[in-house]
Each structure stands twice: as C-alpha cells, then as structure tokens.
C-alpha cells in the first residue's frame, strides 16, 4: 500500500521555467556538449550572445552550471520540446 508521501515522491513536479525559442536552441546545443563559440557558429550569432542566453537559462533554472541546467531540463522533459523547435527550423 502506498502512502501519500510515497506518491508525492514518484510524481514529477510541473516545470515552472519558460524559455524563449532561442534559449531552447542554446540549451539543446549545450546538452550536446557544444561550447558557446560552437553554438554561436551553429546559430549564426556572437559567442557573447550565446553567453547572454546561457546566463538567462541559468537564472531561470536557478542553477550555476550548464550541466545542472541540462539535468533540470531532462528532469522536466523540456529538452523534448527543444528538439521539436529545432526540427521545425
């Protein structure tokens, strides 16, 4: 028999993070292990612009590293949505 506390542990929390389409693209490339310079080349923007988006992603996820942001995105199943945005382009 499951107790209420056991059921709460098994449920995934709803994501409260809302990313822009560009932040989604940057996050997806971060998940692939690309550097800011590489992402800039792929997306056709400056490395500093990529870093700006990464900073916004870290702030929104309330984490300090790209790896932590990617892990949270996987946990909330947000990378699936990122891949769909990438496929549409």
PDB file of N, CA and C in Angstrom:
ATOM      1  N   UNK A   1       0.842  -1.179   0.000  1.00  0.00           N
ATOM      2  CA  UNK A   1       0.000   0.000   0.000  1.00  0.00           C
ATOM      3  C   UNK A   1       0.889   1.245   0.000  1.00  0.00           C
ATOM      4  N   UNK A   2       0.529   2.196  -0.873  1.00  0.00           N
ATOM      5  CA  UNK A   2       1.308   3.427  -0.989  1.00  0.00           C
ATOM      6  C   UNK A   2       0.743   4.498  -0.073  1.00  0.00           C
ATOM      7  N   UNK A   3       1.617   5.155   0.609  1.00  0.00           N
ATOM      8  CA  UNK A   3       1.191   6.282   1.434  1.00  0.00           C
ATOM      9  C   UNK A   3       1.199   7.546   0.588  1.00  0.00           C
ATOM     10  N   UNK A   4       0.605   8.581   1.062  1.00  0.00           N
ATOM     11  CA  UNK A   4       0.551   9.843   0.324  1.00  0.00           C
ATOM     12  C   UNK A   4       1.952  10.388   0.069  1.00  0.00           C
ATOM     13  N   UNK A   5       2.845  10.244   1.032  1.00  0.00           N
ATOM     14  CA  UNK A   5       4.200  10.763   0.844  1.00  0.00           C
ATOM     15  C   UNK A   5       4.948   9.985  -0.219  1.00  0.00           C
ATOM     16  N   UNK A   6       4.704   8.691  -0.350  1.00  0.00           N
ATOM     17  CA  UNK A   6       5.346   7.892  -1.391  1.00  0.00           C
ATOM     18  C   UNK A   6       4.873   8.334  -2.763  1.00  0.00           C
ATOM     19  N   UNK A   7       3.610   8.609  -2.912  1.00  0.00           N
ATOM     20  CA  UNK A   7       3.077   9.037  -4.191  1.00  0.00           C
ATOM     21  C   UNK A   7       3.635  10.382  -4.609  1.00  0.00           C
ATOM     22  N   UNK A   8       3.841  11.266  -3.655  1.00  0.00           N
ATOM     23  CA  UNK A   8       4.394  12.570  -3.984  1.00  0.00           C
ATOM     24  C   UNK A   8       5.829  12.458  -4.458  1.00  0.00           C
ATOM     25  N   UNK A   9       6.584  11.522  -3.947  1.00  0.00           N
ATOM     26  CA  UNK A   9       7.972  11.346  -4.351  1.00  0.00           C
ATOM     27  C   UNK A   9       8.039  10.874  -5.794  1.00  0.00           C
ATOM     28  N   UNK A  10       7.113  10.028  -6.210  1.00  0.00           N
ATOM     29  CA  UNK A  10       7.128   9.460  -7.548  1.00  0.00           C
ATOM     30  C   UNK A  10       6.630  10.421  -8.618  1.00  0.00           C
ATOM     31  N   UNK A  11       5.874  11.435  -8.243  1.00  0.00           N
ATOM     32  CA  UNK A  11       5.355  12.377  -9.226  1.00  0.00           C
ATOM     33  C   UNK A  11       6.423  13.386  -9.604  1.00  0.00           C
ATOM     34  N   UNK A  12       6.474  13.715 -10.895  1.00  0.00           N
ATOM     35  CA  UNK A  12       7.396  14.741 -11.363  1.00  0.00           C
ATOM     36  C   UNK A  12       6.759  16.114 -11.179  1.00  0.00           C
ATOM     37  N   UNK A  13       7.493  17.063 -10.612  1.00  0.00           N
ATOM     38  CA  UNK A  13       6.938  18.404 -10.454  1.00  0.00           C
ATOM     39  C   UNK A  13       6.724  19.057 -11.820  1.00  0.00           C
ATOM     40  N   UNK A  14       5.742  19.908 -11.887  1.00  0.00           N
ATOM     41  CA  UNK A  14       5.481  20.642 -13.124  1.00  0.00           C
ATOM     42  C   UNK A  14       6.576  21.688 -13.327  1.00  0.00           C
ATOM     43  N   UNK A  15       7.089  21.812 -14.541  1.00  0.00           N
ATOM     44  CA  UNK A  15       8.119  22.829 -14.773  1.00  0.00           C
ATOM     45  C   UNK A  15       7.509  24.226 -14.705  1.00  0.00           C
ATOM     46  N   UNK A  16       8.212  25.118 -14.076  1.00  0.00           N
ATOM     47  CA  UNK A  16       7.763  26.498 -13.999  1.00  0.00           C
ATOM     48  C   UNK A  16       8.650  27.384 -14.860  1.00  0.00           C
ATOM     49  N   UNK A  17       9.588  26.779 -15.556  1.00  0.00           N
ATOM     50  CA  UNK A  17      10.539  27.518 -16.375  1.00  0.00           C
ATOM     51  C   UNK A  17       9.963  27.699 -17.776  1.00  0.00           C
ATOM     52  N   UNK A  18       9.999  28.926 -18.270  1.00  0.00           N
ATOM     53  CA  UNK A  18       9.561  29.232 -19.623  1.00  0.00           C
ATOM     54  C   UNK A  18      10.766  29.793 -20.379  1.00  0.00           C
ATOM     55  N   UNK A  19      11.182  29.082 -21.406  1.00  0.00           N
ATOM     56  CA  UNK A  19      12.326  29.501 -22.204  1.00  0.00           C
ATOM     57  C   UNK A  19      11.859  30.067 -23.538  1.00  0.00           C
ATOM     58  N   UNK A  20      12.597  31.062 -24.030  1.00  0.00           N
ATOM     59  CA  UNK A  20      12.323  31.577 -25.367  1.00  0.00           C
ATOM     60  C   UNK A  20      12.786  30.532 -26.373  1.00  0.00           C
ATOM     61  N   UNK A  21      12.320  30.618 -27.621  1.00  0.00           N
ATOM     62  CA  UNK A  21      12.791  29.665 -28.640  1.00  0.00           C
ATOM     63  C   UNK A  21      14.319  29.660 -28.784  1.00  0.00           C
ATOM     64  N   UNK A  22      14.939  30.824 -28.699  1.00  0.00           N
ATOM     65  CA  UNK A  22      16.397  30.890 -28.829  1.00  0.00           C
ATOM     66  C   UNK A  22      17.076  30.238 -27.625  1.00  0.00           C
ATOM     67  N   UNK A  23      16.540  30.465 -26.428  1.00  0.00           N
ATOM     68  CA  UNK A  23      17.090  29.814 -25.239  1.00  0.00           C
ATOM     69  C   UNK A  23      16.939  28.306 -25.350  1.00  0.00           C
ATOM     70  N   UNK A  24      15.839  27.840 -25.919  1.00  0.00           N
ATOM     71  CA  UNK A  24      15.647  26.410 -26.128  1.00  0.00           C
ATOM     72  C   UNK A  24      16.714  25.845 -27.063  1.00  0.00           C
ATOM     73  N   UNK A  25      17.003  26.581 -28.133  1.00  0.00           N
ATOM     74  CA  UNK A  25      18.046  26.139 -29.063  1.00  0.00           C
ATOM     75  C   UNK A  25      19.398  26.067 -28.363  1.00  0.00           C
ATOM     76  N   UNK A  26      19.727  27.117 -27.630  1.00  0.00           N
ATOM     77  CA  UNK A  26      21.016  27.156 -26.928  1.00  0.00           C
ATOM     78  C   UNK A  26      21.107  26.012 -25.926  1.00  0.00           C
ATOM     79  N   UNK A  27      20.042  25.785 -25.185  1.00  0.00           N
ATOM     80  CA  UNK A  27      20.036  24.700 -24.196  1.00  0.00           C
ATOM     81  C   UNK A  27      20.230  23.341 -24.867  1.00  0.00           C
ATOM     82  N   UNK A  28      19.583  23.141 -26.003  1.00  0.00           N
ATOM     83  CA  UNK A  28      19.736  21.873 -26.719  1.00  0.00           C
ATOM     84  C   UNK A  28      21.192  21.659 -27.140  1.00  0.00           C
ATOM     85  N   UNK A  29      21.828  22.693 -27.683  1.00  0.00           N
ATOM     86  CA  UNK A  29      23.226  22.558 -28.083  1.00  0.00           C
ATOM     87  C   UNK A  29      24.140  22.390 -26.872  1.00  0.00           C
ATOM     88  N   UNK A  30      23.776  23.010 -25.745  1.00  0.00           N
ATOM     89  CA  UNK A  30      24.530  22.764 -24.503  1.00  0.00           C
ATOM     90  C   UNK A  30      24.423  21.292 -24.114  1.00  0.00           C
ATOM     91  N   UNK A  31      23.249  20.717 -24.292  1.00  0.00           N
ATOM     92  CA  UNK A  31      23.048  19.305 -23.971  1.00  0.00           C
ATOM     93  C   UNK A  31      23.912  18.410 -24.860  1.00  0.00           C
ATOM     94  N   UNK A  32      24.186  18.867 -26.074  1.00  0.00           N
ATOM     95  CA  UNK A  32      25.066  18.124 -26.979  1.00  0.00           C
ATOM     96  C   UNK A  32      26.544  18.365 -26.679  1.00  0.00           C
ATOM     97  N   UNK A  33      26.824  19.213 -25.680  1.00  0.00           N
ATOM     98  CA  UNK A  33      28.204  19.441 -25.269  1.00  0.00           C
ATOM     99  C   UNK A  33      28.935  20.505 -26.052  1.00  0.00           C
ATOM    100  N   UNK A  34      28.218  21.335 -26.768  1.00  0.00           N
ATOM    101  CA  UNK A  34      28.856  22.385 -27.566  1.00  0.00           C
ATOM    102  C   UNK A  34      29.276  23.560 -26.695  1.00  0.00           C
ATOM    103  N   UNK A  35      30.356  24.210 -27.065  1.00  0.00           N
ATOM    104  CA  UNK A  35      30.817  25.411 -26.370  1.00  0.00           C
ATOM    105  C   UNK A  35      30.018  26.613 -26.869  1.00  0.00           C
ATOM    106  N   UNK A  36      30.150  27.725 -26.172  1.00  0.00           N
ATOM    107  CA  UNK A  36      29.470  28.950 -26.608  1.00  0.00           C
ATOM    108  C   UNK A  36      29.927  29.358 -27.998  1.00  0.00           C
ATOM    109  N   UNK A  37      31.208  29.230 -28.259  1.00  0.00           N
ATOM    110  CA  UNK A  37      31.736  29.586 -29.577  1.00  0.00           C
ATOM    111  C   UNK A  37      31.105  28.702 -30.651  1.00  0.00           C
ATOM    112  N   UNK A  38      31.043  27.392 -30.390  1.00  0.00           N
ATOM    113  CA  UNK A  38      30.456  26.471 -31.366  1.00  0.00           C
ATOM    114  C   UNK A  38      28.967  26.758 -31.584  1.00  0.00           C
ATOM    115  N   UNK A  39      28.259  27.027 -30.504  1.00  0.00           N
ATOM    116  CA  UNK A  39      26.827  27.330 -30.614  1.00  0.00           C
ATOM    117  C   UNK A  39      26.631  28.614 -31.426  1.00  0.00           C
ATOM    118  N   UNK A  40      27.486  29.593 -31.187  1.00  0.00           N
ATOM    119  CA  UNK A  40      27.424  30.829 -31.963  1.00  0.00           C
ATOM    120  C   UNK A  40      27.606  30.576 -33.446  1.00  0.00           C
ATOM    121  N   UNK A  41      28.539  29.729 -33.780  1.00  0.00           N
ATOM    122  CA  UNK A  41      28.763  29.383 -35.194  1.00  0.00           C
ATOM    123  C   UNK A  41      27.545  28.672 -35.775  1.00  0.00           C
ATOM    124  N   UNK A  42      26.979  27.748 -35.014  1.00  0.00           N
ATOM    125  CA  UNK A  42      25.819  26.979 -35.478  1.00  0.00           C
ATOM    126  C   UNK A  42      24.605  27.882 -35.680  1.00  0.00           C
ATOM    127  N   UNK A  43      24.363  28.779 -34.722  1.00  0.00           N
ATOM    128  CA  UNK A  43      23.170  29.624 -34.767  1.00  0.00           C
ATOM    129  C   UNK A  43      23.381  30.937 -35.512  1.00  0.00           C
ATOM    130  N   UNK A  44      24.620  31.210 -35.891  1.00  0.00           N
ATOM    131  CA  UNK A  44      24.912  32.428 -36.639  1.00  0.00           C
ATOM    132  C   UNK A  44      24.842  33.686 -35.793  1.00  0.00           C
ATOM    133  N   UNK A  45      25.366  33.593 -34.574  1.00  0.00           N
ATOM    134  CA  UNK A  45      25.398  34.763 -33.700  1.00  0.00           C
ATOM    135  C   UNK A  45      26.744  34.805 -32.978  1.00  0.00           C
ATOM    136  N   UNK A  46      26.957  35.858 -32.218  1.00  0.00           N
ATOM    137  CA  UNK A  46      28.211  36.016 -31.497  1.00  0.00           C
ATOM    138  C   UNK A  46      28.259  35.115 -30.263  1.00  0.00           C
ATOM    139  N   UNK A  47      29.463  34.771 -29.860  1.00  0.00           N
ATOM    140  CA  UNK A  47      29.670  33.986 -28.639  1.00  0.00           C
ATOM    141  C   UNK A  47      29.091  34.717 -27.431  1.00  0.00           C
ATOM    142  N   UNK A  48      29.237  36.035 -27.399  1.00  0.00           N
ATOM    143  CA  UNK A  48      28.698  36.813 -26.274  1.00  0.00           C
ATOM    144  C   UNK A  48      27.174  36.737 -26.225  1.00  0.00           C
ATOM    145  N   UNK A  49      26.534  36.645 -27.371  1.00  0.00           N
ATOM    146  CA  UNK A  49      25.077  36.496 -27.414  1.00  0.00           C
ATOM    147  C   UNK A  49      24.671  35.147 -26.844  1.00  0.00           C
ATOM    148  N   UNK A  50      25.411  34.115 -27.189  1.00  0.00           N
ATOM    149  CA  UNK A  50      25.152  32.782 -26.645  1.00  0.00           C
ATOM    150  C   UNK A  50      25.308  32.822 -25.127  1.00  0.00           C
ATOM    151  N   UNK A  51      26.379  33.451 -24.652  1.00  0.00           N
ATOM    152  CA  UNK A  51      26.598  33.554 -23.205  1.00  0.00           C
ATOM    153  C   UNK A  51      25.474  34.311 -22.513  1.00  0.00           C
ATOM    154  N   UNK A  52      24.917  35.319 -23.186  1.00  0.00           N
ATOM    155  CA  UNK A  52      23.771  36.049 -22.650  1.00  0.00           C
ATOM    156  C   UNK A  52      22.595  35.090 -22.458  1.00  0.00           C
ATOM    157  N   UNK A  53      22.317  34.272 -23.477  1.00  0.00           N
ATOM    158  CA  UNK A  53      21.211  33.315 -23.388  1.00  0.00           C
ATOM    159  C   UNK A  53      21.485  32.257 -22.319  1.00  0.00           C
ATOM    160  N   UNK A  54      22.723  31.793 -22.229  1.00  0.00           N
ATOM    161  CA  UNK A  54      23.086  30.812 -21.203  1.00  0.00           C
ATOM    162  C   UNK A  54      22.855  31.416 -19.820  1.00  0.00           C
ATOM    163  N   UNK A  55      23.235  32.665 -19.633  1.00  0.00           N
ATOM    164  CA  UNK A  55      23.005  33.334 -18.352  1.00  0.00           C
ATOM    165  C   UNK A  55      21.522  33.384 -17.995  1.00  0.00           C
ATOM    166  N   UNK A  56      20.689  33.672 -18.994  1.00  0.00           N
ATOM    167  CA  UNK A  56      19.238  33.687 -18.753  1.00  0.00           C
ATOM    168  C   UNK A  56      18.727  32.298 -18.387  1.00  0.00           C
ATOM    169  N   UNK A  57      19.225  31.282 -19.064  1.00  0.00           N
ATOM    170  CA  UNK A  57      18.824  29.896 -18.782  1.00  0.00           C
ATOM    171  C   UNK A  57      19.203  29.523 -17.353  1.00  0.00           C
ATOM    172  N   UNK A  58      20.429  29.827 -16.967  1.00  0.00           N
ATOM    173  CA  UNK A  58      20.887  29.503 -15.605  1.00  0.00           C
ATOM    174  C   UNK A  58      20.045  30.213 -14.563  1.00  0.00           C
ATOM    175  N   UNK A  59      19.726  31.470 -14.818  1.00  0.00           N
ATOM    176  CA  UNK A  59      18.896  32.232 -13.884  1.00  0.00           C
ATOM    177  C   UNK A  59      17.499  31.636 -13.782  1.00  0.00           C
ATOM    178  N   UNK A  60      16.912  31.301 -14.915  1.00  0.00           N
ATOM    179  CA  UNK A  60      15.551  30.748 -14.914  1.00  0.00           C
ATOM    180  C   UNK A  60      15.486  29.385 -14.224  1.00  0.00           C
ATOM    181  N   UNK A  61      16.523  28.573 -14.406  1.00  0.00           N
ATOM    182  CA  UNK A  61      16.557  27.260 -13.764  1.00  0.00           C
ATOM    183  C   UNK A  61      17.084  27.325 -12.329  1.00  0.00           C
ATOM    184  N   UNK A  62      17.580  28.495 -11.929  1.00  0.00           N
ATOM    185  CA  UNK A  62      18.152  28.692 -10.596  1.00  0.00           C
ATOM    186  C   UNK A  62      19.285  27.702 -10.325  1.00  0.00           C
ATOM    187  N   UNK A  63      20.215  27.623 -11.296  1.00  0.00           N
ATOM    188  CA  UNK A  63      21.390  26.761 -11.180  1.00  0.00           C
ATOM    189  C   UNK A  63      22.624  27.571 -11.541  1.00  0.00           C
ATOM    190  N   UNK A  64      23.793  26.978 -11.307  1.00  0.00           N
ATOM    191  CA  UNK A  64      25.042  27.706 -11.557  1.00  0.00           C
ATOM    192  C   UNK A  64      25.825  27.204 -12.756  1.00  0.00           C
ATOM    193  N   UNK A  65      25.484  26.027 -13.288  1.00  0.00           N
ATOM    194  CA  UNK A  65      26.245  25.487 -14.412  1.00  0.00           C
ATOM    195  C   UNK A  65      25.321  25.022 -15.529  1.00  0.00           C
ATOM    196  N   UNK A  66      25.897  24.922 -16.728  1.00  0.00           N
ATOM    197  CA  UNK A  66      25.147  24.414 -17.882  1.00  0.00           C
ATOM    198  C   UNK A  66      24.707  22.975 -17.656  1.00  0.00           C
ATOM    199  N   UNK A  67      25.591  22.196 -17.056  1.00  0.00           N
ATOM    200  CA  UNK A  67      25.265  20.791 -16.803  1.00  0.00           C
ATOM    201  C   UNK A  67      24.050  20.682 -15.896  1.00  0.00           C
ATOM    202  N   UNK A  68      24.011  21.500 -14.863  1.00  0.00           N
ATOM    203  CA  UNK A  68      22.864  21.489 -13.955  1.00  0.00           C
ATOM    204  C   UNK A  68      21.590  21.911 -14.687  1.00  0.00           C
ATOM    205  N   UNK A  69      21.694  22.878 -15.590  1.00  0.00           N
ATOM    206  CA  UNK A  69      20.532  23.317 -16.369  1.00  0.00           C
ATOM    207  C   UNK A  69      20.035  22.200 -17.279  1.00  0.00           C
ATOM    208  N   UNK A  70      20.962  21.499 -17.914  1.00  0.00           N
ATOM    209  CA  UNK A  70      20.589  20.387 -18.796  1.00  0.00           C
ATOM    210  C   UNK A  70      19.927  19.274 -17.988  1.00  0.00           C
ATOM    211  N   UNK A  71      20.480  18.976 -16.821  1.00  0.00           N
ATOM    212  CA  UNK A  71      19.889  17.931 -15.961  1.00  0.00           C
ATOM    213  C   UNK A  71      18.468  18.315 -15.561  1.00  0.00           C
ATOM    214  N   UNK A  72      18.266  19.572 -15.185  1.00  0.00           N
ATOM    215  CA  UNK A  72      16.918  20.016 -14.820  1.00  0.00           C
ATOM    216  C   UNK A  72      15.982  19.947 -16.020  1.00  0.00           C
ATOM    217  N   UNK A  73      16.483  20.325 -17.179  1.00  0.00           N
ATOM    218  CA  UNK A  73      15.659  20.283 -18.391  1.00  0.00           C
ATOM    219  C   UNK A  73      15.244  18.852 -18.711  1.00  0.00           C
ATOM    220  N   UNK A  74      16.156  17.912 -18.525  1.00  0.00           N
ATOM    221  CA  UNK A  74      15.833  16.499 -18.745  1.00  0.00           C
ATOM    222  C   UNK A  74      14.795  16.050 -17.732  1.00  0.00           C
ATOM    223  N   UNK A  75      14.984  16.439 -16.493  1.00  0.00           N
ATOM    224  CA  UNK A  75      14.055  16.060 -15.419  1.00  0.00           C
ATOM    225  C   UNK A  75      12.639  16.555 -15.705  1.00  0.00           C
ATOM    226  N   UNK A  76      12.527  17.786 -16.220  1.00  0.00           N
ATOM    227  CA  UNK A  76      11.220  18.370 -16.517  1.00  0.00           C
ATOM    228  C   UNK A  76      10.747  18.049 -17.940  1.00  0.00           C
ATOM    229  N   UNK A  77      11.530  17.234 -18.663  1.00  0.00           N
ATOM    230  CA  UNK A  77      11.201  16.850 -20.034  1.00  0.00           C
ATOM    231  C   UNK A  77      11.098  18.066 -20.969  1.00  0.00           C
ATOM    232  N   UNK A  78      11.948  19.058 -20.746  1.00  0.00           N
ATOM    233  CA  UNK A  78      11.952  20.247 -21.583  1.00  0.00           C
ATOM    234  C   UNK A  78      12.828  20.093 -22.816  1.00  0.00           C
ATOM    235  N   UNK A  79      13.767  19.178 -22.790  1.00  0.00           N
ATOM    236  CA  UNK A  79      14.612  19.001 -23.966  1.00  0.00           C
ATOM    237  C   UNK A  79      13.843  18.387 -25.120  1.00  0.00           C
ATOM    238  N   UNK A  80      12.795  17.612 -24.832  1.00  0.00           N
ATOM    239  CA  UNK A  80      11.951  17.086 -25.896  1.00  0.00           C
ATOM    240  C   UNK A  80      11.338  18.234 -26.683  1.00  0.00           C
ATOM    241  N   UNK A  81      10.856  19.242 -25.968  1.00  0.00           N
ATOM    242  CA  UNK A  81      10.273  20.414 -26.615  1.00  0.00           C
ATOM    243  C   UNK A  81      11.334  21.184 -27.391  1.00  0.00           C
ATOM    244  N   UNK A  82      12.556  21.226 -26.875  1.00  0.00           N
ATOM    245  CA  UNK A  82      13.650  21.915 -27.555  1.00  0.00           C
ATOM    246  C   UNK A  82      13.957  21.246 -28.887  1.00  0.00           C
ATOM    247  N   UNK A  83      13.950  19.930 -28.913  1.00  0.00           N
ATOM    248  CA  UNK A  83      14.228  19.204 -30.144  1.00  0.00           C
ATOM    249  C   UNK A  83      13.144  19.454 -31.178  1.00  0.00           C
ATOM    250  N   UNK A  84      11.887  19.591 -30.742  1.00  0.00           N
ATOM    251  CA  UNK A  84      10.804  19.889 -31.663  1.00  0.00           C
ATOM    252  C   UNK A  84      11.000  21.265 -32.283  1.00  0.00           C
ATOM    253  N   UNK A  85      11.421  22.241 -31.490  1.00  0.00           N
ATOM    254  CA  UNK A  85      11.676  23.584 -32.015  1.00  0.00           C
ATOM    255  C   UNK A  85      12.801  23.521 -33.032  1.00  0.00           C
ATOM    256  N   UNK A  86      13.848  22.753 -32.741  1.00  0.00           N
ATOM    257  CA  UNK A  86      14.991  22.615 -33.641  1.00  0.00           C
ATOM    258  C   UNK A  86      14.553  21.962 -34.953  1.00  0.00           C
ATOM    259  N   UNK A  87      13.707  20.955 -34.883  1.00  0.00           N
ATOM    260  CA  UNK A  87      13.248  20.242 -36.070  1.00  0.00           C
ATOM    261  C   UNK A  87      12.405  21.115 -36.970  1.00  0.00           C
ATOM    262  N   UNK A  88      11.663  22.072 -36.401  1.00  0.00           N
ATOM    263  CA  UNK A  88      10.804  22.952 -37.182  1.00  0.00           C
ATOM    264  C   UNK A  88      11.605  23.899 -38.055  1.00  0.00           C
ATOM    265  N   UNK A  89      12.836  24.163 -37.699  1.00  0.00           N
ATOM    266  CA  UNK A  89      13.653  25.117 -38.468  1.00  0.00           C
ATOM    267  C   UNK A  89      14.255  24.423 -39.602  1.00  0.00           C
TER     268      UNK A  89
END
